[in-house]
PDB file of all heavy atoms in Angstrom:
ATOM      1  N   VAL A   1      34.377  81.481-133.508  1.00  0.00           N
ATOM      2  CA  VAL A   1      34.253  81.485-134.990  1.00  0.00           C
ATOM      3  C   VAL A   1      35.498  80.852-135.586  1.00  0.00           C
ATOM      4  O   VAL A   1      36.520  80.695-134.920  1.00  0.00           O
ATOM      5  CB  VAL A   1      34.067  82.923-135.512  1.00  0.00           C
ATOM      6  CG1 VAL A   1      32.824  83.588-134.947  1.00  0.00           C
ATOM      7  CG2 VAL A   1      35.294  83.783-135.196  1.00  0.00           C
ATOM      8  N   ASP A   2      35.432  80.563-136.894  1.00  0.00           N
ATOM      9  CA  ASP A   2      36.618  80.052-137.578  1.00  0.00           C
ATOM     10  C   ASP A   2      37.411  81.172-138.225  1.00  0.00           C
ATOM     11  O   ASP A   2      37.128  82.354-137.990  1.00  0.00           O
ATOM     12  CB  ASP A   2      36.244  78.949-138.580  1.00  0.00           C
ATOM     13  CG  ASP A   2      35.453  79.472-139.786  1.00  0.00           C
ATOM     14  OD1 ASP A   2      35.350  80.703-139.979  1.00  0.00           O
ATOM     15  OD2 ASP A   2      34.864  78.651-140.503  1.00  0.00           O
ATOM     16  N   ALA A   3      38.413  80.839-139.044  1.00  0.00           N
ATOM     17  CA  ALA A   3      39.301  81.859-139.601  1.00  0.00           C
ATOM     18  C   ALA A   3      38.584  82.738-140.610  1.00  0.00           C
ATOM     19  O   ALA A   3      39.100  83.795-140.920  1.00  0.00           O
ATOM     20  CB  ALA A   3      40.498  81.178-140.245  1.00  0.00           C
ATOM     21  N   PHE A   4      37.430  82.337-141.120  1.00  0.00           N
ATOM     22  CA  PHE A   4      36.659  83.123-142.057  1.00  0.00           C
ATOM     23  C   PHE A   4      35.538  83.895-141.352  1.00  0.00           C
ATOM     24  O   PHE A   4      34.613  84.398-141.969  1.00  0.00           O
ATOM     25  CB  PHE A   4      36.122  82.298-143.176  1.00  0.00           C
ATOM     26  CG  PHE A   4      37.151  81.725-144.099  1.00  0.00           C
ATOM     27  CD1 PHE A   4      37.529  80.379-143.959  1.00  0.00           C
ATOM     28  CD2 PHE A   4      37.802  82.497-145.055  1.00  0.00           C
ATOM     29  CE1 PHE A   4      38.522  79.817-144.803  1.00  0.00           C
ATOM     30  CE2 PHE A   4      38.797  81.936-145.857  1.00  0.00           C
ATOM     31  CZ  PHE A   4      39.123  80.604-145.745  1.00  0.00           C
ATOM     32  N   MET A   5      35.615  83.918-139.973  1.00  0.00           N
ATOM     33  CA  MET A   5      34.618  84.566-139.149  1.00  0.00           C
ATOM     34  C   MET A   5      33.248  83.947-139.243  1.00  0.00           C
ATOM     35  O   MET A   5      32.210  84.593-139.030  1.00  0.00           O
ATOM     36  CB  MET A   5      34.547  86.105-139.488  1.00  0.00           C
ATOM     37  CG  MET A   5      35.775  86.870-139.153  1.00  0.00           C
ATOM     38  SD  MET A   5      36.195  86.951-137.401  1.00  0.00           S
ATOM     39  CE  MET A   5      37.741  86.042-137.368  1.00  0.00           C
ATOM     40  N   LYS A   6      33.167  82.653-139.602  1.00  0.00           N
ATOM     41  CA  LYS A   6      31.920  81.920-139.591  1.00  0.00           C
ATOM     42  C   LYS A   6      31.786  81.191-138.277  1.00  0.00           C
ATOM     43  O   LYS A   6      32.693  80.638-137.713  1.00  0.00           O
ATOM     44  CB  LYS A   6      31.907  80.876-140.707  1.00  0.00           C
ATOM     45  CG  LYS A   6      32.139  81.466-142.122  1.00  0.00           C
ATOM     46  CD  LYS A   6      30.981  82.310-142.577  1.00  0.00           C
ATOM     47  CE  LYS A   6      31.144  82.770-144.028  1.00  0.00           C
ATOM     48  NZ  LYS A   6      30.032  83.598-144.493  1.00  0.00           N
ATOM     49  N   GLU A   7      30.565  81.215-137.712  1.00  0.00           N
ATOM     50  CA  GLU A   7      30.387  80.668-136.397  1.00  0.00           C
ATOM     51  C   GLU A   7      30.641  79.132-136.390  1.00  0.00           C
ATOM     52  O   GLU A   7      30.294  78.448-137.352  1.00  0.00           O
ATOM     53  CB  GLU A   7      28.939  80.911-135.897  1.00  0.00           C
ATOM     54  CG  GLU A   7      28.684  82.391-135.575  1.00  0.00           C
ATOM     55  CD  GLU A   7      27.452  82.601-134.699  1.00  0.00           C
ATOM     56  OE1 GLU A   7      27.124  81.719-133.892  1.00  0.00           O
ATOM     57  OE2 GLU A   7      26.822  83.654-134.854  1.00  0.00           O
ATOM     58  N   VAL A   8      31.226  78.690-135.314  1.00  0.00           N
ATOM     59  CA  VAL A   8      31.543  77.245-135.128  1.00  0.00           C
ATOM     60  C   VAL A   8      30.359  76.618-134.387  1.00  0.00           C
ATOM     61  O   VAL A   8      29.891  77.124-133.348  1.00  0.00           O
ATOM     62  CB  VAL A   8      32.831  77.091-134.328  1.00  0.00           C
ATOM     63  CG1 VAL A   8      33.040  75.614-133.965  1.00  0.00           C
ATOM     64  CG2 VAL A   8      34.024  77.651-135.034  1.00  0.00           C
ATOM     65  N   ARG A   9      29.877  75.516-134.888  1.00  0.00           N
ATOM     66  CA  ARG A   9      28.760  74.827-134.222  1.00  0.00           C
ATOM     67  C   ARG A   9      29.336  73.735-133.327  1.00  0.00           C
ATOM     68  O   ARG A   9      29.986  72.811-133.758  1.00  0.00           O
ATOM     69  CB  ARG A   9      27.803  74.235-135.234  1.00  0.00           C
ATOM     70  CG  ARG A   9      26.514  73.706-134.535  1.00  0.00           C
ATOM     71  CD  ARG A   9      25.540  73.101-135.468  1.00  0.00           C
ATOM     72  NE  ARG A   9      24.380  72.627-134.734  1.00  0.00           N
ATOM     73  CZ  ARG A   9      23.610  71.614-135.116  1.00  0.00           C
ATOM     74  NH1 ARG A   9      23.858  70.960-136.236  1.00  0.00           N
ATOM     75  NH2 ARG A   9      22.601  71.215-134.388  1.00  0.00           N
ATOM     76  N   LEU A  10      29.057  73.836-132.006  1.00  0.00           N
ATOM     77  CA  LEU A  10      29.470  72.887-131.041  1.00  0.00           C
ATOM     78  C   LEU A  10      28.296  72.054-130.548  1.00  0.00           C
ATOM     79  O   LEU A  10      27.157  72.555-130.480  1.00  0.00           O
ATOM     80  CB  LEU A  10      30.107  73.538-129.807  1.00  0.00           C
ATOM     81  CG  LEU A  10      31.384  74.396-130.045  1.00  0.00           C
ATOM     82  CD1 LEU A  10      31.781  75.092-128.773  1.00  0.00           C
ATOM     83  CD2 LEU A  10      32.526  73.522-130.543  1.00  0.00           C
ATOM     84  N   LEU A  11      28.494  70.792-130.198  1.00  0.00           N
ATOM     85  CA  LEU A  11      27.463  69.922-129.721  1.00  0.00           C
ATOM     86  C   LEU A  11      27.592  69.671-128.194  1.00  0.00           C
ATOM     87  O   LEU A  11      26.872  68.861-127.629  1.00  0.00           O
ATOM     88  CB  LEU A  11      27.454  68.590-130.451  1.00  0.00           C
ATOM     89  CG  LEU A  11      27.169  68.673-131.976  1.00  0.00           C
ATOM     90  CD1 LEU A  11      27.116  67.297-132.552  1.00  0.00           C
ATOM     91  CD2 LEU A  11      25.842  69.383-132.194  1.00  0.00           C
ATOM     92  N   SER A  12      28.477  70.403-127.533  1.00  0.00           N
ATOM     93  CA  SER A  12      28.604  70.347-126.091  1.00  0.00           C
ATOM     94  C   SER A  12      29.077  71.739-125.627  1.00  0.00           C
ATOM     95  O   SER A  12      29.572  72.509-126.396  1.00  0.00           O
ATOM     96  CB  SER A  12      29.626  69.269-125.677  1.00  0.00           C
ATOM     97  OG  SER A  12      30.851  69.475-126.256  1.00  0.00           O
ATOM     98  N   PRO A  13      28.868  72.050-124.328  1.00  0.00           N
ATOM     99  CA  PRO A  13      29.150  73.403-123.824  1.00  0.00           C
ATOM    100  C   PRO A  13      30.583  73.847-123.955  1.00  0.00           C
ATOM    101  O   PRO A  13      31.531  73.047-123.952  1.00  0.00           O
ATOM    102  CB  PRO A  13      28.708  73.325-122.353  1.00  0.00           C
ATOM    103  CG  PRO A  13      27.759  72.200-122.301  1.00  0.00           C
ATOM    104  CD  PRO A  13      28.242  71.219-123.293  1.00  0.00           C
ATOM    105  N   MET A  14      30.788  75.136-124.004  1.00  0.00           N
ATOM    106  CA  MET A  14      32.060  75.793-124.011  1.00  0.00           C
ATOM    107  C   MET A  14      32.222  76.511-122.688  1.00  0.00           C
ATOM    108  O   MET A  14      31.336  77.216-122.238  1.00  0.00           O
ATOM    109  CB  MET A  14      32.149  76.798-125.185  1.00  0.00           C
ATOM    110  CG  MET A  14      33.397  77.635-125.207  1.00  0.00           C
ATOM    111  SD  MET A  14      33.439  78.754-126.696  1.00  0.00           S
ATOM    112  CE  MET A  14      32.007  79.850-126.314  1.00  0.00           C
ATOM    113  N   TYR A  15      33.391  76.395-122.039  1.00  0.00           N
ATOM    114  CA  TYR A  15      33.683  76.980-120.763  1.00  0.00           C
ATOM    115  C   TYR A  15      34.800  78.030-120.921  1.00  0.00           C
ATOM    116  O   TYR A  15      35.778  77.763-121.575  1.00  0.00           O
ATOM    117  CB  TYR A  15      34.090  75.976-119.724  1.00  0.00           C
ATOM    118  CG  TYR A  15      33.025  74.997-119.333  1.00  0.00           C
ATOM    119  CD1 TYR A  15      32.735  73.910-120.153  1.00  0.00           C
ATOM    120  CD2 TYR A  15      32.256  75.151-118.164  1.00  0.00           C
ATOM    121  CE1 TYR A  15      31.760  72.989-119.823  1.00  0.00           C
ATOM    122  CE2 TYR A  15      31.267  74.276-117.852  1.00  0.00           C
ATOM    123  CZ  TYR A  15      31.004  73.162-118.666  1.00  0.00           C
ATOM    124  OH  TYR A  15      29.986  72.289-118.354  1.00  0.00           O
ATOM    125  N   LEU A  16      34.639  79.203-120.291  1.00  0.00           N
ATOM    126  CA  LEU A  16      35.634  80.247-120.324  1.00  0.00           C
ATOM    127  C   LEU A  16      36.052  80.624-118.916  1.00  0.00           C
ATOM    128  O   LEU A  16      35.195  80.759-118.015  1.00  0.00           O
ATOM    129  CB  LEU A  16      35.073  81.506-121.039  1.00  0.00           C
ATOM    130  CG  LEU A  16      34.591  81.380-122.458  1.00  0.00           C
ATOM    131  CD1 LEU A  16      34.072  82.751-122.952  1.00  0.00           C
ATOM    132  CD2 LEU A  16      35.667  80.874-123.387  1.00  0.00           C
ATOM    133  N   SER A  17      37.332  80.815-118.727  1.00  0.00           N
ATOM    134  CA  SER A  17      37.856  81.382-117.489  1.00  0.00           C
ATOM    135  C   SER A  17      38.244  82.831-117.804  1.00  0.00           C
ATOM    136  O   SER A  17      38.956  83.084-118.796  1.00  0.00           O
ATOM    137  CB  SER A  17      39.073  80.608-116.995  1.00  0.00           C
ATOM    138  OG  SER A  17      38.744  79.281-116.663  1.00  0.00           O
ATOM    139  N   ILE A  18      37.761  83.754-117.014  1.00  0.00           N
ATOM    140  CA  ILE A  18      37.954  85.194-117.264  1.00  0.00           C
ATOM    141  C   ILE A  18      38.562  85.844-116.034  1.00  0.00           C
ATOM    142  O   ILE A  18      38.112  85.682-114.910  1.00  0.00           O
ATOM    143  CB  ILE A  18      36.627  85.883-117.628  1.00  0.00           C
ATOM    144  CG1 ILE A  18      36.031  85.220-118.862  1.00  0.00           C
ATOM    145  CG2 ILE A  18      36.819  87.371-117.840  1.00  0.00           C
ATOM    146  CD1 ILE A  18      34.636  85.741-119.233  1.00  0.00           C
ATOM    147  N   HIS A  19      39.615  86.645-116.292  1.00  0.00           N
ATOM    148  CA  HIS A  19      40.240  87.447-115.219  1.00  0.00           C
ATOM    149  C   HIS A  19      39.926  88.889-115.450  1.00  0.00           C
ATOM    150  O   HIS A  19      40.160  89.417-116.528  1.00  0.00           O
ATOM    151  CB  HIS A  19      41.772  87.230-115.220  1.00  0.00           C
ATOM    152  CG  HIS A  19      42.463  88.026-114.177  1.00  0.00           C
ATOM    153  ND1 HIS A  19      42.477  87.703-112.832  1.00  0.00           N
ATOM    154  CD2 HIS A  19      43.204  89.165-114.274  1.00  0.00           C
ATOM    155  CE1 HIS A  19      43.168  88.593-112.175  1.00  0.00           C
ATOM    156  NE2 HIS A  19      43.629  89.480-112.999  1.00  0.00           N
ATOM    157  N   VAL A  20      39.367  89.516-114.443  1.00  0.00           N
ATOM    158  CA  VAL A  20      39.040  90.957-114.522  1.00  0.00           C
ATOM    159  C   VAL A  20      39.742  91.677-113.396  1.00  0.00           C
ATOM    160  O   VAL A  20      39.707  91.267-112.253  1.00  0.00           O
ATOM    161  CB  VAL A  20      37.502  91.191-114.396  1.00  0.00           C
ATOM    162  CG1 VAL A  20      37.211  92.717-114.358  1.00  0.00           C
ATOM    163  CG2 VAL A  20      36.772  90.457-115.535  1.00  0.00           C
ATOM    164  N   ARG A  21      40.493  92.731-113.756  1.00  0.00           N
ATOM    165  CA  ARG A  21      41.127  93.526-112.721  1.00  0.00           C
ATOM    166  C   ARG A  21      40.713  94.973-112.809  1.00  0.00           C
ATOM    167  O   ARG A  21      40.469  95.521-113.926  1.00  0.00           O
ATOM    168  CB  ARG A  21      42.679  93.411-112.813  1.00  0.00           C
ATOM    169  CG  ARG A  21      43.284  93.972-114.089  1.00  0.00           C
ATOM    170  CD  ARG A  21      44.808  93.838-114.116  1.00  0.00           C
ATOM    171  NE  ARG A  21      45.348  94.351-115.369  1.00  0.00           N
ATOM    172  CZ  ARG A  21      45.695  95.611-115.550  1.00  0.00           C
ATOM    173  NH1 ARG A  21      45.498  96.514-114.553  1.00  0.00           N
ATOM    174  NH2 ARG A  21      46.206  96.025-116.690  1.00  0.00           N
ATOM    175  N   ALA A  22      40.603  95.594-111.709  1.00  0.00           N
ATOM    176  CA  ALA A  22      40.264  96.996-111.638  1.00  0.00           C
ATOM    177  C   ALA A  22      41.466  97.863-112.074  1.00  0.00           C
ATOM    178  O   ALA A  22      42.614  97.534-111.740  1.00  0.00           O
ATOM    179  CB  ALA A  22      39.778  97.364-110.261  1.00  0.00           C
ATOM    180  N   ILE A  23      41.215  98.890-112.814  1.00  0.00           N
ATOM    181  CA  ILE A  23      42.258  99.852-113.212  1.00  0.00           C
ATOM    182  C   ILE A  23      42.012 101.103-112.422  1.00  0.00           C
ATOM    183  O   ILE A  23      41.026 101.828-112.646  1.00  0.00           O
ATOM    184  CB  ILE A  23      42.213 100.119-114.721  1.00  0.00           C
ATOM    185  CG1 ILE A  23      42.434  98.849-115.513  1.00  0.00           C
ATOM    186  CG2 ILE A  23      43.290 101.176-115.111  1.00  0.00           C
ATOM    187  CD1 ILE A  23      42.392  99.056-117.028  1.00  0.00           C
ATOM    188  N   PRO A  24      42.980 101.446-111.552  1.00  0.00           N
ATOM    189  CA  PRO A  24      42.808 102.700-110.764  1.00  0.00           C
ATOM    190  C   PRO A  24      42.622 103.908-111.687  1.00  0.00           C
ATOM    191  O   PRO A  24      43.272 103.996-112.741  1.00  0.00           O
ATOM    192  CB  PRO A  24      44.093 102.804-109.956  1.00  0.00           C
ATOM    193  CG  PRO A  24      44.578 101.357-109.858  1.00  0.00           C
ATOM    194  CD  PRO A  24      44.197 100.727-111.170  1.00  0.00           C
ATOM    195  N   ASP A  25      41.772 104.815-111.303  1.00  0.00           N
ATOM    196  CA  ASP A  25      41.506 105.982-112.137  1.00  0.00           C
ATOM    197  C   ASP A  25      42.755 106.788-112.436  1.00  0.00           C
ATOM    198  O   ASP A  25      42.900 107.347-113.499  1.00  0.00           O
ATOM    199  CB  ASP A  25      40.456 106.863-111.422  1.00  0.00           C
ATOM    200  CG  ASP A  25      39.103 106.199-111.346  1.00  0.00           C
ATOM    201  OD1 ASP A  25      38.872 105.273-112.154  1.00  0.00           O
ATOM    202  OD2 ASP A  25      38.287 106.583-110.482  1.00  0.00           O
ATOM    203  N   GLU A  26      43.686 106.798-111.485  1.00  0.00           N
ATOM    204  CA  GLU A  26      44.931 107.595-111.710  1.00  0.00           C
ATOM    205  C   GLU A  26      45.747 107.009-112.858  1.00  0.00           C
ATOM    206  O   GLU A  26      46.478 107.741-113.536  1.00  0.00           O
ATOM    207  CB  GLU A  26      45.766 107.681-110.409  1.00  0.00           C
ATOM    208  CG  GLU A  26      46.106 106.385-109.783  1.00  0.00           C
ATOM    209  CD  GLU A  26      45.082 105.987-108.704  1.00  0.00           C
ATOM    210  OE1 GLU A  26      43.949 106.458-108.785  1.00  0.00           O
ATOM    211  OE2 GLU A  26      45.488 105.256-107.782  1.00  0.00           O
ATOM    212  N   GLU A  27      45.669 105.664-113.060  1.00  0.00           N
ATOM    213  CA  GLU A  27      46.409 105.069-114.180  1.00  0.00           C
ATOM    214  C   GLU A  27      45.890 105.592-115.532  1.00  0.00           C
ATOM    215  O   GLU A  27      46.628 105.869-116.436  1.00  0.00           O
ATOM    216  CB  GLU A  27      46.344 103.585-114.131  1.00  0.00           C
ATOM    217  CG  GLU A  27      47.187 102.905-113.056  1.00  0.00           C
ATOM    218  CD  GLU A  27      47.222 101.421-113.185  1.00  0.00           C
ATOM    219  OE1 GLU A  27      46.928 100.905-114.301  1.00  0.00           O
ATOM    220  OE2 GLU A  27      47.537 100.733-112.185  1.00  0.00           O
ATOM    221  N   ILE A  28      44.557 105.640-115.618  1.00  0.00           N
ATOM    222  CA  ILE A  28      43.937 106.142-116.847  1.00  0.00           C
ATOM    223  C   ILE A  28      44.255 107.601-117.075  1.00  0.00           C
ATOM    224  O   ILE A  28      44.563 108.022-118.166  1.00  0.00           O
ATOM    225  CB  ILE A  28      42.412 105.947-116.775  1.00  0.00           C
ATOM    226  CG1 ILE A  28      42.052 104.460-116.684  1.00  0.00           C
ATOM    227  CG2 ILE A  28      41.720 106.574-117.969  1.00  0.00           C
ATOM    228  CD1 ILE A  28      42.441 103.667-117.922  1.00  0.00           C
ATOM    229  N   GLN A  29      44.280 108.390-115.993  1.00  0.00           N
ATOM    230  CA  GLN A  29      44.599 109.820-116.120  1.00  0.00           C
ATOM    231  C   GLN A  29      46.064 109.999-116.543  1.00  0.00           C
ATOM    232  O   GLN A  29      46.334 110.831-117.386  1.00  0.00           O
ATOM    233  CB  GLN A  29      44.356 110.475-114.777  1.00  0.00           C
ATOM    234  CG  GLN A  29      42.875 110.566-114.372  1.00  0.00           C
ATOM    235  CD  GLN A  29      42.666 111.005-112.948  1.00  0.00           C
ATOM    236  OE1 GLN A  29      43.626 111.310-112.213  1.00  0.00           O
ATOM    237  NE2 GLN A  29      41.409 111.113-112.543  1.00  0.00           N
ATOM    238  N   GLN A  30      46.969 109.195-115.975  1.00  0.00           N
ATOM    239  CA  GLN A  30      48.374 109.303-116.380  1.00  0.00           C
ATOM    240  C   GLN A  30      48.555 108.900-117.827  1.00  0.00           C
ATOM    241  O   GLN A  30      49.313 109.528-118.555  1.00  0.00           O
ATOM    242  CB  GLN A  30      49.241 108.425-115.452  1.00  0.00           C
ATOM    243  CG  GLN A  30      49.357 108.915-114.002  1.00  0.00           C
ATOM    244  CD  GLN A  30      50.055 107.926-113.102  1.00  0.00           C
ATOM    245  OE1 GLN A  30      50.529 106.906-113.571  1.00  0.00           O
ATOM    246  NE2 GLN A  30      50.180 108.263-111.831  1.00  0.00           N
ATOM    247  N   SER A  31      47.902 107.833-118.225  1.00  0.00           N
ATOM    248  CA  SER A  31      47.957 107.378-119.571  1.00  0.00           C
ATOM    249  C   SER A  31      47.485 108.446-120.566  1.00  0.00           C
ATOM    250  O   SER A  31      48.077 108.675-121.626  1.00  0.00           O
ATOM    251  CB  SER A  31      47.175 106.079-119.791  1.00  0.00           C
ATOM    252  OG  SER A  31      47.208 105.636-121.117  1.00  0.00           O
ATOM    253  N   SER A  32      46.383 109.130-120.184  1.00  0.00           N
ATOM    254  CA  SER A  32      45.825 110.184-121.031  1.00  0.00           C
ATOM    255  C   SER A  32      46.812 111.371-121.137  1.00  0.00           C
ATOM    256  O   SER A  32      46.974 111.983-122.191  1.00  0.00           O
ATOM    257  CB  SER A  32      44.488 110.634-120.480  1.00  0.00           C
ATOM    258  OG  SER A  32      43.569 109.560-120.469  1.00  0.00           O
TER     259      SER A  32
END
């Protein structure tokens, strides 16, 4: 989207690289 939260129209594909890491349950418990 743009700065006014209006969708941007593209005429070719958009590619995303995404990194996902597991969070050990003990980290969440310690944080809580």
